[in-house]
PDB file of N, CA and C in Angstrom:
ATOM      1  N   MET A   1     -11.799   7.583  14.324  1.00  0.00           N
ATOM      2  CA  MET A   1     -11.787   5.558  13.946  1.00  0.00           C
ATOM      3  C   MET A   1     -12.762   5.797  13.095  1.00  0.00           C
ATOM      4  N   ASP A   2     -12.305   4.605  12.290  1.00  0.00           N
ATOM      5  CA  ASP A   2     -13.081   4.135  11.411  1.00  0.00           C
ATOM      6  C   ASP A   2     -13.738   2.813  11.266  1.00  0.00           C
ATOM      7  N   ALA A   3     -14.811   2.591  10.789  1.00  0.00           N
ATOM      8  CA  ALA A   3     -15.631   1.879  10.931  1.00  0.00           C
ATOM      9  C   ALA A   3     -15.681   0.698   9.851  1.00  0.00           C
ATOM     10  N   LYS A   4     -15.722  -0.612   9.646  1.00  0.00           N
ATOM     11  CA  LYS A   4     -15.865  -1.189   8.596  1.00  0.00           C
ATOM     12  C   LYS A   4     -17.700  -1.331   7.888  1.00  0.00           C
ATOM     13  N   LEU A   5     -17.870  -1.210   6.759  1.00  0.00           N
ATOM     14  CA  LEU A   5     -18.860  -1.083   6.115  1.00  0.00           C
ATOM     15  C   LEU A   5     -19.467  -2.118   4.940  1.00  0.00           C
ATOM     16  N   THR A   6     -19.933  -3.311   5.260  1.00  0.00           N
ATOM     17  CA  THR A   6     -20.168  -3.903   3.565  1.00  0.00           C
ATOM     18  C   THR A   6     -21.393  -3.023   3.015  1.00  0.00           C
ATOM     19  N   LEU A   7     -21.190  -2.748   2.046  1.00  0.00           N
ATOM     20  CA  LEU A   7     -22.414  -2.720   0.348  1.00  0.00           C
ATOM     21  C   LEU A   7     -22.237  -3.490  -0.748  1.00  0.00           C
ATOM     22  N   SER A   8     -23.426  -3.152  -1.563  1.00  0.00           N
ATOM     23  CA  SER A   8     -23.351  -3.645  -2.483  1.00  0.00           C
ATOM     24  C   SER A   8     -23.338  -2.608  -3.714  1.00  0.00           C
ATOM     25  N   PHE A   9     -22.969  -2.989  -4.690  1.00  0.00           N
ATOM     26  CA  PHE A   9     -23.149  -2.058  -5.916  1.00  0.00           C
ATOM     27  C   PHE A   9     -23.117  -2.998  -7.326  1.00  0.00           C
ATOM     28  N   ASP A  10     -23.154  -1.972  -8.522  1.00  0.00           N
ATOM     29  CA  ASP A  10     -23.282  -2.921  -9.349  1.00  0.00           C
ATOM     30  C   ASP A  10     -21.746  -2.734  -9.752  1.00  0.00           C
ATOM     31  N   LYS A  11     -21.502  -3.943 -10.481  1.00  0.00           N
ATOM     32  CA  LYS A  11     -19.944  -4.354 -10.887  1.00  0.00           C
ATOM     33  C   LYS A  11     -19.322  -3.371 -11.687  1.00  0.00           C
ATOM     34  N   ASP A  12     -19.955  -2.320 -12.987  1.00  0.00           N
ATOM     35  CA  ASP A  12     -19.636  -1.593 -13.656  1.00  0.00           C
ATOM     36  C   ASP A  12     -19.181  -0.152 -12.742  1.00  0.00           C
ATOM     37  N   ILE A  13     -20.204  -0.112 -11.996  1.00  0.00           N
ATOM     38  CA  ILE A  13     -19.807   1.188 -11.524  1.00  0.00           C
ATOM     39  C   ILE A  13     -18.966   1.270 -10.219  1.00  0.00           C
ATOM     40  N   VAL A  14     -18.817   0.106  -9.789  1.00  0.00           N
ATOM     41  CA  VAL A  14     -17.666  -0.503  -8.827  1.00  0.00           C
ATOM     42  C   VAL A  14     -16.495   0.172  -9.627  1.00  0.00           C
ATOM     43  N   GLU A  15     -16.510  -0.922 -10.692  1.00  0.00           N
ATOM     44  CA  GLU A  15     -15.214  -0.204 -11.574  1.00  0.00           C
ATOM     45  C   GLU A  15     -14.793   0.995 -11.536  1.00  0.00           C
ATOM     46  N   ARG A  16     -15.768   2.173 -12.299  1.00  0.00           N
ATOM     47  CA  ARG A  16     -15.567   3.240 -12.973  1.00  0.00           C
ATOM     48  C   ARG A  16     -15.566   3.773 -11.341  1.00  0.00           C
ATOM     49  N   ALA A  17     -15.945   3.601 -10.341  1.00  0.00           N
ATOM     50  CA  ALA A  17     -15.744   4.296  -9.495  1.00  0.00           C
ATOM     51  C   ALA A  17     -14.183   4.503  -8.606  1.00  0.00           C
ATOM     52  N   LYS A  18     -13.689   2.794  -8.934  1.00  0.00           N
ATOM     53  CA  LYS A  18     -12.390   2.606  -8.700  1.00  0.00           C
ATOM     54  C   LYS A  18     -11.285   3.730  -9.370  1.00  0.00           C
ATOM     55  N   LYS A  19     -11.459   3.868 -11.054  1.00  0.00           N
ATOM     56  CA  LYS A  19     -10.859   4.013 -11.803  1.00  0.00           C
ATOM     57  C   LYS A  19     -10.920   5.373 -11.239  1.00  0.00           C
ATOM     58  N   TYR A  20     -12.186   6.445 -11.081  1.00  0.00           N
ATOM     59  CA  TYR A  20     -12.257   7.952 -10.805  1.00  0.00           C
ATOM     60  C   TYR A  20     -11.478   8.102  -9.585  1.00  0.00           C
ATOM     61  N   ALA A  21     -11.090   7.483  -8.182  1.00  0.00           N
ATOM     62  CA  ALA A  21     -10.477   7.265  -7.034  1.00  0.00           C
ATOM     63  C   ALA A  21      -9.424   7.142  -7.570  1.00  0.00           C
ATOM     64  N   ALA A  22      -8.634   6.123  -8.383  1.00  0.00           N
ATOM     65  CA  ALA A  22      -7.529   6.307  -8.620  1.00  0.00           C
ATOM     66  C   ALA A  22      -7.177   7.178  -9.019  1.00  0.00           C
ATOM     67  N   GLU A  23      -7.909   7.838 -10.053  1.00  0.00           N
ATOM     68  CA  GLU A  23      -7.416   9.159 -10.948  1.00  0.00           C
ATOM     69  C   GLU A  23      -7.355  10.571  -9.865  1.00  0.00           C
ATOM     70  N   GLN A  24      -7.833  10.395  -8.801  1.00  0.00           N
ATOM     71  CA  GLN A  24      -8.134  11.495  -7.774  1.00  0.00           C
ATOM     72  C   GLN A  24      -6.839  11.474  -6.498  1.00  0.00           C
ATOM     73  N   ASN A  25      -6.227  10.097  -6.772  1.00  0.00           N
ATOM     74  CA  ASN A  25      -4.960   9.050  -5.616  1.00  0.00           C
ATOM     75  C   ASN A  25      -5.650   9.419  -4.537  1.00  0.00           C
ATOM     76  N   ILE A  26      -7.384   8.936  -4.501  1.00  0.00           N
ATOM     77  CA  ILE A  26      -7.005   8.619  -3.088  1.00  0.00           C
ATOM     78  C   ILE A  26      -7.862   7.357  -3.479  1.00  0.00           C
ATOM     79  N   SER A  27      -8.194   6.092  -2.203  1.00  0.00           N
ATOM     80  CA  SER A  27      -8.429   5.230  -2.025  1.00  0.00           C
ATOM     81  C   SER A  27     -10.530   5.504  -2.359  1.00  0.00           C
ATOM     82  N   LEU A  28     -11.110   4.250  -2.750  1.00  0.00           N
ATOM     83  CA  LEU A  28     -12.453   3.889  -2.619  1.00  0.00           C
ATOM     84  C   LEU A  28     -12.748   4.328  -1.493  1.00  0.00           C
ATOM     85  N   SER A  29     -12.458   3.750  -0.442  1.00  0.00           N
ATOM     86  CA  SER A  29     -13.262   4.176   0.669  1.00  0.00           C
ATOM     87  C   SER A  29     -13.191   5.180   0.735  1.00  0.00           C
ATOM     88  N   ARG A  30     -11.929   5.965   0.864  1.00  0.00           N
ATOM     89  CA  ARG A  30     -11.958   7.839   0.849  1.00  0.00           C
ATOM     90  C   ARG A  30     -12.983   8.772   0.164  1.00  0.00           C
ATOM     91  N   LEU A  31     -13.440   8.367  -0.995  1.00  0.00           N
ATOM     92  CA  LEU A  31     -13.954   8.572  -2.098  1.00  0.00           C
ATOM     93  C   LEU A  31     -15.817   8.450  -1.781  1.00  0.00           C
ATOM     94  N   ILE A  32     -15.954   7.234  -1.130  1.00  0.00           N
ATOM     95  CA  ILE A  32     -17.101   7.072  -0.833  1.00  0.00           C
ATOM     96  C   ILE A  32     -17.506   7.832   1.162  1.00  0.00           C
ATOM     97  N   GLU A  33     -16.215   7.925   1.579  1.00  0.00           N
ATOM     98  CA  GLU A  33     -16.772   9.100   2.904  1.00  0.00           C
ATOM     99  C   GLU A  33     -16.862  10.409   2.895  1.00  0.00           C
ATOM    100  N   HIS A  34     -16.281  10.468   1.452  1.00  0.00           N
ATOM    101  CA  HIS A  34     -16.026  12.334   1.526  1.00  0.00           C
ATOM    102  C   HIS A  34     -17.706  11.889   0.893  1.00  0.00           C
ATOM    103  N   LEU A  35     -17.972  11.654  -0.362  1.00  0.00           N
ATOM    104  CA  LEU A  35     -19.650  12.055  -0.891  1.00  0.00           C
ATOM    105  C   LEU A  35     -20.633  11.469   0.517  1.00  0.00           C
ATOM    106  N   LEU A  36     -20.564  10.211   1.133  1.00  0.00           N
ATOM    107  CA  LEU A  36     -21.715  10.177   2.719  1.00  0.00           C
ATOM    108  C   LEU A  36     -21.247  11.956   3.521  1.00  0.00           C
ATOM    109  N   THR A  37     -20.195  12.091   3.509  1.00  0.00           N
ATOM    110  CA  THR A  37     -20.022  13.786   4.097  1.00  0.00           C
ATOM    111  C   THR A  37     -20.677  14.937   3.975  1.00  0.00           C
ATOM    112  N   GLN A  38     -20.697  14.771   2.158  1.00  0.00           N
ATOM    113  CA  GLN A  38     -21.416  15.885   1.574  1.00  0.00           C
ATOM    114  C   GLN A  38     -22.788  15.289   1.784  1.00  0.00           C
ATOM    115  N   VAL A  39     -23.812  14.555   1.786  1.00  0.00           N
ATOM    116  CA  VAL A  39     -24.710  14.134   1.782  1.00  0.00           C
ATOM    117  C   VAL A  39     -24.965  14.187   3.076  1.00  0.00           C
ATOM    118  N   THR A  40     -24.366  14.443   3.941  1.00  0.00           N
ATOM    119  CA  THR A  40     -24.822  14.569   5.804  1.00  0.00           C
ATOM    120  C   THR A  40     -24.416  15.210   6.111  1.00  0.00           C
ATOM    121  N   ALA A  41     -23.863  16.544   5.397  1.00  0.00           N
ATOM    122  CA  ALA A  41     -23.348  17.915   5.920  1.00  0.00           C
ATOM    123  C   ALA A  41     -24.680  18.922   6.339  1.00  0.00           C
ATOM    124  N   LYS A  42     -25.823  18.874   5.431  1.00  0.00           N
ATOM    125  CA  LYS A  42     -26.640  19.399   6.088  1.00  0.00           C
ATOM    126  C   LYS A  42     -27.983  18.788   5.575  1.00  0.00           C
ATOM    127  N   PRO A  43     -28.984  18.934   6.474  1.00  0.00           N
ATOM    128  CA  PRO A  43     -30.694  18.254   6.327  1.00  0.00           C
ATOM    129  C   PRO A  43     -31.290  18.549   4.669  1.00  0.00           C
ATOM    130  N   TYR A  44     -30.848  17.712   4.107  1.00  0.00           N
ATOM    131  CA  TYR A  44     -31.457  17.647   2.985  1.00  0.00           C
ATOM    132  C   TYR A  44     -32.870  16.584   2.806  1.00  0.00           C
ATOM    133  N   PRO A  45     -33.563  17.422   2.467  1.00  0.00           N
ATOM    134  CA  PRO A  45     -34.939  16.444   2.512  1.00  0.00           C
ATOM    135  C   PRO A  45     -35.484  15.722   1.187  1.00  0.00           C
ATOM    136  N   SER A  46     -34.191  15.718  -0.034  1.00  0.00           N
ATOM    137  CA  SER A  46     -34.701  14.590  -0.570  1.00  0.00           C
ATOM    138  C   SER A  46     -33.148  14.674  -1.329  1.00  0.00           C
ATOM    139  N   LEU A  47     -33.043  13.963  -2.142  1.00  0.00           N
ATOM    140  CA  LEU A  47     -32.082  13.571  -2.871  1.00  0.00           C
ATOM    141  C   LEU A  47     -31.519  14.494  -4.145  1.00  0.00           C
ATOM    142  N   GLU A  48     -33.013  15.168  -4.278  1.00  0.00           N
ATOM    143  CA  GLU A  48     -32.759  16.493  -5.558  1.00  0.00           C
ATOM    144  C   GLU A  48     -32.156  17.667  -4.636  1.00  0.00           C
ATOM    145  N   ASP A  49     -32.211  18.134  -3.730  1.00  0.00           N
ATOM    146  CA  ASP A  49     -32.263  18.635  -2.833  1.00  0.00           C
ATOM    147  C   ASP A  49     -31.136  18.711  -2.711  1.00  0.00           C
ATOM    148  N   PHE A  50     -30.269  17.639  -2.630  1.00  0.00           N
ATOM    149  CA  PHE A  50     -28.508  17.631  -2.764  1.00  0.00           C
ATOM    150  C   PHE A  50     -28.146  18.315  -3.638  1.00  0.00           C
ATOM    151  N   PRO A  51     -27.031  19.559  -2.857  1.00  0.00           N
ATOM    152  CA  PRO A  51     -26.399  20.349  -3.974  1.00  0.00           C
ATOM    153  C   PRO A  51     -25.525  19.898  -5.040  1.00  0.00           C
ATOM    154  N   ILE A  52     -25.322  20.463  -5.750  1.00  0.00           N
ATOM    155  CA  ILE A  52     -24.348  20.015  -7.177  1.00  0.00           C
ATOM    156  C   ILE A  52     -23.320  21.313  -7.755  1.00  0.00           C
ATOM    157  N   SER A  53     -22.157  20.507  -8.103  1.00  0.00           N
ATOM    158  CA  SER A  53     -21.762  21.797  -8.484  1.00  0.00           C
ATOM    159  C   SER A  53     -21.922  23.102  -9.485  1.00  0.00           C
ATOM    160  N   ASP A  54     -22.217  24.314  -9.002  1.00  0.00           N
ATOM    161  CA  ASP A  54     -22.557  25.398  -9.686  1.00  0.00           C
ATOM    162  C   ASP A  54     -22.445  25.884 -10.560  1.00  0.00           C
ATOM    163  N   TRP A  55     -20.738  25.467 -11.538  1.00  0.00           N
ATOM    164  CA  TRP A  55     -21.036  25.069 -12.408  1.00  0.00           C
ATOM    165  C   TRP A  55     -21.925  24.064 -13.863  1.00  0.00           C
ATOM    166  N   VAL A  56     -22.202  22.924 -13.067  1.00  0.00           N
ATOM    167  CA  VAL A  56     -22.568  22.236 -13.854  1.00  0.00           C
ATOM    168  C   VAL A  56     -24.456  22.801 -13.306  1.00  0.00           C
ATOM    169  N   ARG A  57     -24.650  22.993 -12.605  1.00  0.00           N
ATOM    170  CA  ARG A  57     -26.071  24.149 -12.307  1.00  0.00           C
ATOM    171  C   ARG A  57     -26.149  24.729 -13.247  1.00  0.00           C
ATOM    172  N   MET A  58     -25.196  26.122 -13.867  1.00  0.00           N
ATOM    173  CA  MET A  58     -25.454  26.929 -14.780  1.00  0.00           C
ATOM    174  C   MET A  58     -25.276  26.313 -15.912  1.00  0.00           C
ATOM    175  N   ILE A  59     -24.284  25.073 -16.491  1.00  0.00           N
ATOM    176  CA  ILE A  59     -24.722  24.406 -17.765  1.00  0.00           C
ATOM    177  C   ILE A  59     -26.333  23.883 -17.822  1.00  0.00           C
ATOM    178  N   SER A  60     -26.622  23.459 -16.808  1.00  0.00           N
ATOM    179  CA  SER A  60     -28.066  22.712 -16.774  1.00  0.00           C
ATOM    180  C   SER A  60     -29.635  23.483 -16.980  1.00  0.00           C
ATOM    181  N   GLU A  61     -28.962  24.785 -16.607  1.00  0.00           N
ATOM    182  CA  GLU A  61     -29.794  25.805 -16.648  1.00  0.00           C
ATOM    183  C   GLU A  61     -29.889  26.886 -17.593  1.00  0.00           C
ATOM    184  N   GLY A  62     -28.845  26.668 -18.528  1.00  0.00           N
ATOM    185  CA  GLY A  62     -28.549  27.465 -19.650  1.00  0.00           C
ATOM    186  C   GLY A  62     -28.070  28.600 -19.474  1.00  0.00           C
ATOM    187  N   GLU A  63     -27.239  28.429 -18.016  1.00  0.00           N
ATOM    188  CA  GLU A  63     -26.897  30.334 -17.792  1.00  0.00           C
ATOM    189  C   GLU A  63     -25.620  30.665 -18.040  1.00  0.00           C
ATOM    190  N   ILE A  64     -24.273  29.500 -18.731  1.00  0.00           N
ATOM    191  CA  ILE A  64     -23.255  29.655 -19.287  1.00  0.00           C
ATOM    192  C   ILE A  64     -23.228  29.334 -20.845  1.00  0.00           C
ATOM    193  N   GLU A  65     -23.008  30.576 -21.572  1.00  0.00           N
ATOM    194  CA  GLU A  65     -23.097  30.452 -23.135  1.00  0.00           C
ATOM    195  C   GLU A  65     -21.274  30.741 -23.770  1.00  0.00           C
ATOM    196  N   TYR A  66     -21.149  29.427 -24.445  1.00  0.00           N
ATOM    197  CA  TYR A  66     -19.690  28.848 -24.980  1.00  0.00           C
ATOM    198  C   TYR A  66     -19.561  29.980 -26.118  1.00  0.00           C
ATOM    199  N   LYS A  67     -18.534  30.834 -26.407  1.00  0.00           N
ATOM    200  CA  LYS A  67     -18.628  31.544 -27.633  1.00  0.00           C
ATOM    201  C   LYS A  67     -16.508  31.188 -28.255  1.00  0.00           C
ATOM    202  N   LYS A  68     -16.991  30.719 -29.263  1.00  0.00           N
ATOM    203  CA  LYS A  68     -15.693  30.100 -29.958  1.00  0.00           C
ATOM    204  C   LYS A  68     -15.146  31.214 -30.572  1.00  0.00           C
ATOM    205  N   THR A  69     -14.039  31.348 -30.760  1.00  0.00           N
ATOM    206  CA  THR A  69     -13.352  32.653 -31.333  1.00  0.00           C
ATOM    207  C   THR A  69     -12.976  31.938 -33.156  1.00  0.00           C
ATOM    208  N   PRO A  70     -13.452  32.856 -34.018  1.00  0.00           N
ATOM    209  CA  PRO A  70     -12.955  31.959 -34.997  1.00  0.00           C
ATOM    210  C   PRO A  70     -11.666  31.645 -35.037  1.00  0.00           C
ATOM    211  N   PRO A  71     -11.025  30.534 -36.228  1.00  0.00           N
ATOM    212  CA  PRO A  71      -9.630  30.172 -36.418  1.00  0.00           C
ATOM    213  C   PRO A  71      -9.081  31.104 -36.584  1.00  0.00           C
ATOM    214  N   SER A  72      -7.721  31.289 -36.540  1.00  0.00           N
ATOM    215  CA  SER A  72      -6.796  32.445 -37.080  1.00  0.00           C
ATOM    216  C   SER A  72      -5.734  31.453 -38.407  1.00  0.00           C
ATOM    217  N   SER A  73      -5.249  32.403 -38.672  1.00  0.00           N
ATOM    218  CA  SER A  73      -4.353  31.656 -39.567  1.00  0.00           C
ATOM    219  C   SER A  73      -3.091  31.282 -38.955  1.00  0.00           C
ATOM    220  N   ARG A  74      -2.671  30.646 -39.865  1.00  0.00           N
ATOM    221  CA  ARG A  74      -1.528  29.958 -39.290  1.00  0.00           C
ATOM    222  C   ARG A  74      -0.598  30.901 -38.870  1.00  0.00           C
ATOM    223  N   LYS A  75      -0.198  32.136 -40.008  1.00  0.00           N
ATOM    224  CA  LYS A  75       0.755  33.325 -39.746  1.00  0.00           C
ATOM    225  C   LYS A  75       0.483  33.997 -38.938  1.00  0.00           C
ATOM    226  N   SER A  76      -1.099  34.101 -38.708  1.00  0.00           N
ATOM    227  CA  SER A  76      -1.165  35.324 -37.365  1.00  0.00           C
ATOM    228  C   SER A  76      -0.726  34.774 -35.762  1.00  0.00           C
ATOM    229  N   SER A  77      -1.435  33.061 -36.217  1.00  0.00           N
ATOM    230  CA  SER A  77      -1.119  32.484 -34.796  1.00  0.00           C
ATOM    231  C   SER A  77       0.407  32.843 -34.222  1.00  0.00           C
ATOM    232  N   LYS A  78       1.595  32.221 -35.486  1.00  0.00           N
ATOM    233  CA  LYS A  78       2.879  32.490 -35.131  1.00  0.00           C
ATOM    234  C   LYS A  78       3.382  34.114 -34.367  1.00  0.00           C
ATOM    235  N   GLU A  79       2.668  34.485 -35.156  1.00  0.00           N
ATOM    236  CA  GLU A  79       3.013  35.906 -34.722  1.00  0.00           C
ATOM    237  C   GLU A  79       2.848  36.340 -33.378  1.00  0.00           C
ATOM    238  N   ASP A  80       1.474  36.270 -33.266  1.00  0.00           N
ATOM    239  CA  ASP A  80       1.006  36.178 -31.658  1.00  0.00           C
ATOM    240  C   ASP A  80       1.572  35.155 -30.485  1.00  0.00           C
ATOM    241  N   PHE A  81       2.171  34.344 -31.373  1.00  0.00           N
ATOM    242  CA  PHE A  81       2.914  33.059 -30.353  1.00  0.00           C
ATOM    243  C   PHE A  81       4.429  34.309 -29.861  1.00  0.00           C
ATOM    244  N   PHE A  82       4.999  34.536 -30.898  1.00  0.00           N
ATOM    245  CA  PHE A  82       6.467  34.885 -30.856  1.00  0.00           C
ATOM    246  C   PHE A  82       6.443  36.310 -29.874  1.00  0.00           C
ATOM    247  N   SER A  83       5.018  36.953 -30.308  1.00  0.00           N
ATOM    248  CA  SER A  83       4.930  38.539 -29.934  1.00  0.00           C
ATOM    249  C   SER A  83       4.953  38.233 -28.359  1.00  0.00           C
ATOM    250  N   ASN A  84       4.470  37.724 -27.988  1.00  0.00           N
ATOM    251  CA  ASN A  84       3.575  37.386 -26.696  1.00  0.00           C
ATOM    252  C   ASN A  84       4.666  36.690 -25.844  1.00  0.00           C
ATOM    253  N   LYS A  85       5.528  36.209 -26.523  1.00  0.00           N
ATOM    254  CA  LYS A  85       7.401  35.082 -25.791  1.00  0.00           C
ATOM    255  C   LYS A  85       8.418  36.377 -25.368  1.00  0.00           C
ATOM    256  N   LYS A  86       7.824  37.527 -25.824  1.00  0.00           N
ATOM    257  CA  LYS A  86       8.972  38.551 -25.605  1.00  0.00           C
ATOM    258  C   LYS A  86       8.925  39.035 -23.824  1.00  0.00           C
TER     259      LYS A  86
END
């Protein structure tokens, strides 16, 4: 059963949240419901203890290292493309 709730947020945050919800194909109400479900799923002593994505945590703690491959020549890229297409 749904219950109505009145909340107040900064106007810019509301606009960004609406855009994000639309990109996710959900309503802003369901987005907020999802976030509240996550917050209340376990007893977190504080907001700092609230879990964030493992990927974000690894990046923030420096566990992930991105390695870029050197750019290849146009000819070798073309050869790779056609050899993989077979």
